[in-house]
């Protein structure tokens, strides 16, 4: 079994402001569980290390996209 699941607690993060955390929470609501964890998983690679890297990449991309504010 090489599948890797990653989780990150959005509200406990010290990297983002409250406004940014709210934006992440709104845009990624379907990927955040009831306990406040952003969940991602991958089984595309044949190794756990490869899947771990994919999970980290997917999380970074999702959070980066969530922080983009639409132009008015």
Protein backbone atom coordinates (compact mmCIF):
# COMPACT_ATOMS: atom_id res chain seq x y z
CA UNK A 1 0.00 0.00 0.00
CA UNK A 2 1.62 3.23 -1.14
CA UNK A 3 -1.31 5.64 -0.68
CA UNK A 4 -0.51 8.67 1.44
CA UNK A 5 -3.02 10.87 3.25
CA UNK A 6 -2.04 14.33 4.39
CA UNK A 7 -3.85 16.70 6.71
CA UNK A 8 -3.29 20.28 7.79
CA UNK A 9 -5.28 22.16 10.43
CA UNK A 10 -6.13 25.48 8.80
CA UNK A 11 -7.20 27.38 11.95
CA UNK A 12 -4.07 26.44 13.93
CA UNK A 13 -1.73 27.66 11.19
CA UNK A 14 0.58 30.52 12.10
CA UNK A 15 1.47 31.17 8.46
CA UNK A 16 -1.72 33.01 7.52
CA UNK A 17 -3.81 35.91 8.81
CA UNK A 18 -7.37 35.37 10.01
CA UNK A 19 -8.66 36.88 6.77
CA UNK A 20 -6.58 34.42 4.74
CA UNK A 21 -7.71 31.50 6.90
CA UNK A 22 -11.33 32.51 6.30
CA UNK A 23 -10.71 32.69 2.56
CA UNK A 24 -9.10 29.22 2.58
CA UNK A 25 -11.98 27.87 4.66
CA UNK A 26 -14.58 29.25 2.28
CA UNK A 27 -12.96 28.15 -0.96
CA UNK A 28 -11.81 24.73 0.23
CA UNK A 29 -14.84 23.91 2.38
CA UNK A 30 -15.47 20.62 0.58
CA UNK A 31 -11.93 19.45 1.35
CA UNK A 32 -11.95 20.48 5.02
CA UNK A 33 -13.45 18.04 7.50
CA UNK A 34 -15.54 18.82 10.57
CA UNK A 35 -12.43 19.07 12.76
CA UNK A 36 -10.94 21.77 10.54
CA UNK A 37 -8.34 19.67 8.72
CA UNK A 38 -7.64 20.12 5.04
CA UNK A 39 -7.38 16.55 3.72
CA UNK A 40 -5.56 15.38 0.60
CA UNK A 41 -4.48 11.95 -0.53
CA UNK A 42 -2.55 10.42 -3.38
CA UNK A 43 -1.88 6.96 -4.70
CA UNK A 44 -0.71 7.95 -8.19
CA UNK A 45 2.96 7.14 -7.58
CA UNK A 46 4.39 3.69 -6.97
CA UNK A 47 6.21 4.79 -3.80
CA UNK A 48 5.08 6.36 -0.54
CA UNK A 49 7.72 9.06 -0.87
CA UNK A 50 6.45 9.97 -4.33
CA UNK A 51 2.87 10.10 -3.08
CA UNK A 52 3.92 12.20 -0.09
CA UNK A 53 5.48 14.73 -2.45
CA UNK A 54 2.31 14.74 -4.58
CA UNK A 55 0.12 15.37 -1.50
CA UNK A 56 2.30 18.30 -0.44
CA UNK A 57 2.20 19.71 -3.96
CA UNK A 58 -1.60 19.32 -4.17
CA UNK A 59 -2.07 21.06 -0.80
CA UNK A 60 0.21 23.94 -1.76
CA UNK A 61 -1.56 24.42 -5.09
CA UNK A 62 -5.03 24.29 -3.49
CA UNK A 63 -4.13 26.83 -0.79
CA UNK A 64 -2.40 29.12 -3.31
CA UNK A 65 -5.47 29.09 -5.57
CA UNK A 66 -7.78 29.68 -2.60
CA UNK A 67 -5.86 32.83 -1.66
CA UNK A 68 -6.37 34.45 -5.06
CA UNK A 69 -8.98 37.15 -4.71
CA UNK A 70 -11.23 37.83 -7.69
CA UNK A 71 -10.88 41.24 -9.28
CA UNK A 72 -13.78 43.63 -8.71
